[in-house]
């Protein structure tokens, strides 16, 4: 116990954040795998318990009672064969496993379709963004050309004004 307290109070060591992330990731992955194993083990044990319960013979027979004044009828129950019941349980388990596998495949196919649709949508989005960038480049280029034309027009107006002024000054 004192060794544990000594480690608890020790402040000389340090841990890098990358190490903490790595240890946390390993812990989560290990826990996930462990829960999967526990789940399958529990399922197997419950299956064994079901077979055990079914193996118990619950047949009974009670004879009736009769005397000179009263009569009580008897009662009988004969359980079906245990082997037949085990076969039914095994068949039910196989059917459920097949159904689970079918649903899992169906979900995987749906997820695959959704991923393909998202990939197509992403491709279309990238294509649309590229077209938009091309349009924006053309607009910028046209704006620059328009500014150049405006600058030249203004220069030409200034040149004409100066020429008119010189002509007026000469007259």
C-alpha atoms as a PDB file:
ATOM      1  CA  UNK A   1       0.000   0.000   0.000  1.00  0.00           C
ATOM      2  CA  UNK A   2       2.842   2.401   0.835  1.00  0.00           C
ATOM      3  CA  UNK A   3       4.325   1.729  -2.610  1.00  0.00           C
ATOM      4  CA  UNK A   4       1.047   2.828  -4.199  1.00  0.00           C
ATOM      5  CA  UNK A   5       0.917   5.983  -2.065  1.00  0.00           C
ATOM      6  CA  UNK A   6       4.523   6.756  -3.009  1.00  0.00           C
ATOM      7  CA  UNK A   7       3.655   6.471  -6.694  1.00  0.00           C
ATOM      8  CA  UNK A   8       0.514   8.563  -6.166  1.00  0.00           C
ATOM      9  CA  UNK A   9       2.477  11.395  -4.523  1.00  0.00           C
ATOM     10  CA  UNK A  10       5.391  11.258  -6.971  1.00  0.00           C
ATOM     11  CA  UNK A  11       5.380  14.410  -9.126  1.00  0.00           C
ATOM     12  CA  UNK A  12       8.731  13.956 -10.865  1.00  0.00           C
ATOM     13  CA  UNK A  13       7.314  12.117 -13.868  1.00  0.00           C
ATOM     14  CA  UNK A  14       5.391  13.715 -16.682  1.00  0.00           C
ATOM     15  CA  UNK A  15       3.365  12.528 -19.611  1.00  0.00           C
ATOM     16  CA  UNK A  16       3.249  14.045 -23.047  1.00  0.00           C
ATOM     17  CA  UNK A  17      -0.148  14.712 -24.586  1.00  0.00           C
ATOM     18  CA  UNK A  18       0.674  12.427 -27.517  1.00  0.00           C
ATOM     19  CA  UNK A  19       1.358   9.607 -25.080  1.00  0.00           C
ATOM     20  CA  UNK A  20      -1.949  10.271 -23.335  1.00  0.00           C
ATOM     21  CA  UNK A  21      -3.811  10.201 -26.655  1.00  0.00           C
ATOM     22  CA  UNK A  22      -2.076   6.964 -27.662  1.00  0.00           C
ATOM     23  CA  UNK A  23      -2.837   5.307 -24.326  1.00  0.00           C
ATOM     24  CA  UNK A  24      -6.456   6.489 -24.483  1.00  0.00           C
ATOM     25  CA  UNK A  25      -6.846   5.153 -28.018  1.00  0.00           C
ATOM     26  CA  UNK A  26      -5.380   1.783 -27.073  1.00  0.00           C
ATOM     27  CA  UNK A  27      -7.688   1.650 -24.058  1.00  0.00           C
ATOM     28  CA  UNK A  28     -10.797   2.451 -26.090  1.00  0.00           C
ATOM     29  CA  UNK A  29      -9.926  -0.052 -28.832  1.00  0.00           C
ATOM     30  CA  UNK A  30      -9.127  -2.720 -26.237  1.00  0.00           C
ATOM     31  CA  UNK A  31     -12.369  -2.028 -24.407  1.00  0.00           C
ATOM     32  CA  UNK A  32     -14.360  -2.258 -27.632  1.00  0.00           C
ATOM     33  CA  UNK A  33     -12.793  -5.575 -28.571  1.00  0.00           C
ATOM     34  CA  UNK A  34     -13.294  -6.839 -25.027  1.00  0.00           C
ATOM     35  CA  UNK A  35     -16.980  -5.903 -25.074  1.00  0.00           C
ATOM     36  CA  UNK A  36     -17.382  -7.766 -28.372  1.00  0.00           C
ATOM     37  CA  UNK A  37     -15.839 -10.879 -26.868  1.00  0.00           C
ATOM     38  CA  UNK A  38     -17.980 -10.577 -23.730  1.00  0.00           C
ATOM     39  CA  UNK A  39     -21.098 -10.175 -25.880  1.00  0.00           C
ATOM     40  CA  UNK A  40     -20.434 -13.329 -27.911  1.00  0.00           C
ATOM     41  CA  UNK A  41     -19.534 -15.267 -24.740  1.00  0.00           C
ATOM     42  CA  UNK A  42     -22.771 -14.220 -23.042  1.00  0.00           C
ATOM     43  CA  UNK A  43     -24.746 -15.247 -26.133  1.00  0.00           C
ATOM     44  CA  UNK A  44     -23.091 -18.670 -26.151  1.00  0.00           C
ATOM     45  CA  UNK A  45     -23.727 -19.159 -22.434  1.00  0.00           C
ATOM     46  CA  UNK A  46     -27.380 -18.173 -22.774  1.00  0.00           C
ATOM     47  CA  UNK A  47     -27.731 -20.652 -25.614  1.00  0.00           C
ATOM     48  CA  UNK A  48     -26.230 -23.351 -23.394  1.00  0.00           C
ATOM     49  CA  UNK A  49     -28.625 -22.392 -20.581  1.00  0.00           C
ATOM     50  CA  UNK A  50     -31.595 -22.640 -22.966  1.00  0.00           C
ATOM     51  CA  UNK A  51     -30.479 -26.118 -24.019  1.00  0.00           C
ATOM     52  CA  UNK A  52     -30.010 -27.094 -20.357  1.00  0.00           C
ATOM     53  CA  UNK A  53     -33.480 -25.917 -19.369  1.00  0.00           C
ATOM     54  CA  UNK A  54     -34.950 -27.756 -22.306  1.00  0.00           C
ATOM     55  CA  UNK A  55     -33.123 -30.920 -21.290  1.00  0.00           C
ATOM     56  CA  UNK A  56     -35.069 -31.057 -18.025  1.00  0.00           C
ATOM     57  CA  UNK A  57     -37.918 -33.534 -18.302  1.00  0.00           C
ATOM     58  CA  UNK A  58     -41.069 -31.817 -17.114  1.00  0.00           C
ATOM     59  CA  UNK A  59     -43.416 -34.721 -17.751  1.00  0.00           C
ATOM     60  CA  UNK A  60     -45.725 -35.675 -14.938  1.00  0.00           C
ATOM     61  CA  UNK A  61     -48.624 -37.959 -14.194  1.00  0.00           C
ATOM     62  CA  UNK A  62     -51.044 -37.720 -11.283  1.00  0.00           C
ATOM     63  CA  UNK A  63     -53.463 -40.575 -10.815  1.00  0.00           C
ATOM     64  CA  UNK A  64     -57.038 -39.824  -9.957  1.00  0.00           C
ATOM     65  CA  UNK A  65     -58.599 -40.702  -6.638  1.00  0.00           C
ATOM     66  CA  UNK A  66     -61.900 -42.421  -6.215  1.00  0.00           C
ATOM     67  CA  UNK A  67     -63.862 -43.651  -3.252  1.00  0.00           C
ATOM     68  CA  UNK A  68     -67.547 -44.282  -2.668  1.00  0.00           C
ATOM     69  CA  UNK A  69     -68.449 -40.632  -2.266  1.00  0.00           C
ATOM     70  CA  UNK A  70     -66.058 -38.687  -4.491  1.00  0.00           C
ATOM     71  CA  UNK A  71     -63.967 -38.857  -7.605  1.00  0.00           C
ATOM     72  CA  UNK A  72     -60.934 -36.692  -8.477  1.00  0.00           C
ATOM     73  CA  UNK A  73     -59.641 -37.085 -11.999  1.00  0.00           C
ATOM     74  CA  UNK A  74     -55.951 -37.434 -12.667  1.00  0.00           C
ATOM     75  CA  UNK A  75     -53.732 -35.282 -14.842  1.00  0.00           C
ATOM     76  CA  UNK A  76     -50.992 -36.122 -17.293  1.00  0.00           C
ATOM     77  CA  UNK A  77     -48.426 -34.148 -19.263  1.00  0.00           C
ATOM     78  CA  UNK A  78     -45.836 -35.800 -21.476  1.00  0.00           C
ATOM     79  CA  UNK A  79     -43.111 -33.564 -22.753  1.00  0.00           C
ATOM     80  CA  UNK A  80     -41.993 -33.986 -26.354  1.00  0.00           C
ATOM     81  CA  UNK A  81     -38.689 -35.637 -27.024  1.00  0.00           C
ATOM     82  CA  UNK A  82     -35.683 -33.617 -25.851  1.00  0.00           C
ATOM     83  CA  UNK A  83     -33.719 -34.290 -29.034  1.00  0.00           C
ATOM     84  CA  UNK A  84     -36.604 -32.919 -31.090  1.00  0.00           C
ATOM     85  CA  UNK A  85     -36.711 -29.805 -28.894  1.00  0.00           C
ATOM     86  CA  UNK A  86     -32.957 -29.324 -29.209  1.00  0.00           C
ATOM     87  CA  UNK A  87     -33.240 -29.578 -32.999  1.00  0.00           C
ATOM     88  CA  UNK A  88     -35.985 -26.944 -32.936  1.00  0.00           C
ATOM     89  CA  UNK A  89     -33.831 -24.670 -30.763  1.00  0.00           C
ATOM     90  CA  UNK A  90     -30.845 -25.162 -33.070  1.00  0.00           C
ATOM     91  CA  UNK A  91     -33.000 -24.443 -36.127  1.00  0.00           C
ATOM     92  CA  UNK A  92     -34.368 -21.307 -34.495  1.00  0.00           C
ATOM     93  CA  UNK A  93     -30.829 -20.195 -33.646  1.00  0.00           C
ATOM     94  CA  UNK A  94     -29.706 -20.810 -37.258  1.00  0.00           C
ATOM     95  CA  UNK A  95     -32.672 -18.872 -38.630  1.00  0.00           C
ATOM     96  CA  UNK A  96     -31.987 -15.943 -36.298  1.00  0.00           C
ATOM     97  CA  UNK A  97     -28.307 -15.973 -37.232  1.00  0.00           C
ATOM     98  CA  UNK A  98     -29.190 -15.978 -40.943  1.00  0.00           C
ATOM     99  CA  UNK A  99     -31.661 -13.145 -40.422  1.00  0.00           C
ATOM    100  CA  UNK A 100     -29.064 -11.155 -38.513  1.00  0.00           C
ATOM    101  CA  UNK A 101     -26.503 -11.762 -41.268  1.00  0.00           C
ATOM    102  CA  UNK A 102     -29.040 -10.762 -43.947  1.00  0.00           C
ATOM    103  CA  UNK A 103     -29.855  -7.539 -42.100  1.00  0.00           C
ATOM    104  CA  UNK A 104     -26.178  -6.787 -41.574  1.00  0.00           C
ATOM    105  CA  UNK A 105     -25.515  -7.235 -45.307  1.00  0.00           C
ATOM    106  CA  UNK A 106     -28.529  -5.080 -46.130  1.00  0.00           C
ATOM    107  CA  UNK A 107     -27.254  -2.335 -43.839  1.00  0.00           C
ATOM    108  CA  UNK A 108     -23.769  -2.624 -45.362  1.00  0.00           C
ATOM    109  CA  UNK A 109     -25.238  -2.337 -48.862  1.00  0.00           C
ATOM    110  CA  UNK A 110     -27.280   0.699 -47.863  1.00  0.00           C
ATOM    111  CA  UNK A 111     -24.208   2.276 -46.285  1.00  0.00           C
ATOM    112  CA  UNK A 112     -22.178   1.514 -49.410  1.00  0.00           C
ATOM    113  CA  UNK A 113     -24.860   3.113 -51.616  1.00  0.00           C
ATOM    114  CA  UNK A 114     -24.950   6.163 -49.379  1.00  0.00           C
ATOM    115  CA  UNK A 115     -21.165   6.434 -49.515  1.00  0.00           C
ATOM    116  CA  UNK A 116     -21.256   6.165 -53.302  1.00  0.00           C
ATOM    117  CA  UNK A 117     -23.981   8.820 -53.469  1.00  0.00           C
ATOM    118  CA  UNK A 118     -21.997  11.074 -51.170  1.00  0.00           C
ATOM    119  CA  UNK A 119     -18.885  10.525 -53.267  1.00  0.00           C
ATOM    120  CA  UNK A 120     -20.847  11.447 -56.408  1.00  0.00           C
ATOM    121  CA  UNK A 121     -22.273  14.494 -54.666  1.00  0.00           C
ATOM    122  CA  UNK A 122     -18.781  15.466 -53.501  1.00  0.00           C
ATOM    123  CA  UNK A 123     -17.480  15.079 -57.060  1.00  0.00           C
ATOM    124  CA  UNK A 124     -20.321  17.238 -58.378  1.00  0.00           C
ATOM    125  CA  UNK A 125     -19.651  19.785 -55.651  1.00  0.00           C
ATOM    126  CA  UNK A 126     -15.943  19.873 -56.528  1.00  0.00           C
ATOM    127  CA  UNK A 127     -16.825  20.260 -60.188  1.00  0.00           C
ATOM    128  CA  UNK A 128     -19.267  23.073 -59.394  1.00  0.00           C
ATOM    129  CA  UNK A 129     -16.653  24.790 -57.216  1.00  0.00           C
ATOM    130  CA  UNK A 130     -14.108  24.518 -60.008  1.00  0.00           C
ATOM    131  CA  UNK A 131     -16.599  26.008 -62.478  1.00  0.00           C
ATOM    132  CA  UNK A 132     -17.336  28.778 -59.992  1.00  0.00           C
ATOM    133  CA  UNK A 133     -13.607  29.480 -59.615  1.00  0.00           C
ATOM    134  CA  UNK A 134     -13.259  29.582 -63.406  1.00  0.00           C
ATOM    135  CA  UNK A 135     -16.184  32.004 -63.659  1.00  0.00           C
ATOM    136  CA  UNK A 136     -14.715  34.147 -60.872  1.00  0.00           C
ATOM    137  CA  UNK A 137     -11.365  34.222 -62.702  1.00  0.00           C
ATOM    138  CA  UNK A 138     -13.095  35.275 -65.923  1.00  0.00           C
ATOM    139  CA  UNK A 139     -15.059  37.953 -64.061  1.00  0.00           C
ATOM    140  CA  UNK A 140     -11.846  39.260 -62.445  1.00  0.00           C
ATOM    141  CA  UNK A 141     -10.131  39.258 -65.836  1.00  0.00           C
ATOM    142  CA  UNK A 142     -13.068  41.102 -67.410  1.00  0.00           C
ATOM    143  CA  UNK A 143     -13.071  43.590 -64.507  1.00  0.00           C
ATOM    144  CA  UNK A 144      -9.369  44.200 -65.100  1.00  0.00           C
ATOM    145  CA  UNK A 145      -9.995  44.635 -68.822  1.00  0.00           C
ATOM    146  CA  UNK A 146     -12.866  47.019 -68.027  1.00  0.00           C
ATOM    147  CA  UNK A 147     -10.595  49.024 -65.690  1.00  0.00           C
ATOM    148  CA  UNK A 148      -7.952  49.119 -68.412  1.00  0.00           C
ATOM    149  CA  UNK A 149     -10.539  50.310 -70.939  1.00  0.00           C
ATOM    150  CA  UNK A 150     -11.828  52.929 -68.478  1.00  0.00           C
ATOM    151  CA  UNK A 151      -8.282  54.103 -67.783  1.00  0.00           C
ATOM    152  CA  UNK A 152      -7.568  54.369 -71.525  1.00  0.00           C
ATOM    153  CA  UNK A 153     -10.881  56.173 -72.115  1.00  0.00           C
ATOM    154  CA  UNK A 154     -10.046  58.637 -69.360  1.00  0.00           C
ATOM    155  CA  UNK A 155      -6.542  59.107 -70.780  1.00  0.00           C
ATOM    156  CA  UNK A 156      -8.078  59.704 -74.224  1.00  0.00           C
ATOM    157  CA  UNK A 157     -10.570  62.212 -72.753  1.00  0.00           C
ATOM    158  CA  UNK A 158      -7.733  63.998 -70.977  1.00  0.00           C
ATOM    159  CA  UNK A 159      -5.695  64.006 -74.200  1.00  0.00           C
ATOM    160  CA  UNK A 160      -8.687  65.418 -76.128  1.00  0.00           C
ATOM    161  CA  UNK A 161      -9.259  68.068 -73.434  1.00  0.00           C
ATOM    162  CA  UNK A 162      -5.604  69.083 -73.603  1.00  0.00           C
ATOM    163  CA  UNK A 163      -5.713  69.153 -77.389  1.00  0.00           C
ATOM    164  CA  UNK A 164      -8.888  71.276 -77.334  1.00  0.00           C
ATOM    165  CA  UNK A 165      -7.332  73.582 -74.784  1.00  0.00           C
ATOM    166  CA  UNK A 166      -4.208  73.986 -76.958  1.00  0.00           C
ATOM    167  CA  UNK A 167      -6.342  74.678 -79.990  1.00  0.00           C
ATOM    168  CA  UNK A 168      -8.381  77.238 -78.045  1.00  0.00           C
ATOM    169  CA  UNK A 169      -5.167  78.786 -76.742  1.00  0.00           C
ATOM    170  CA  UNK A 170      -3.763  78.920 -80.296  1.00  0.00           C
ATOM    171  CA  UNK A 171      -6.859  80.707 -81.594  1.00  0.00           C
END
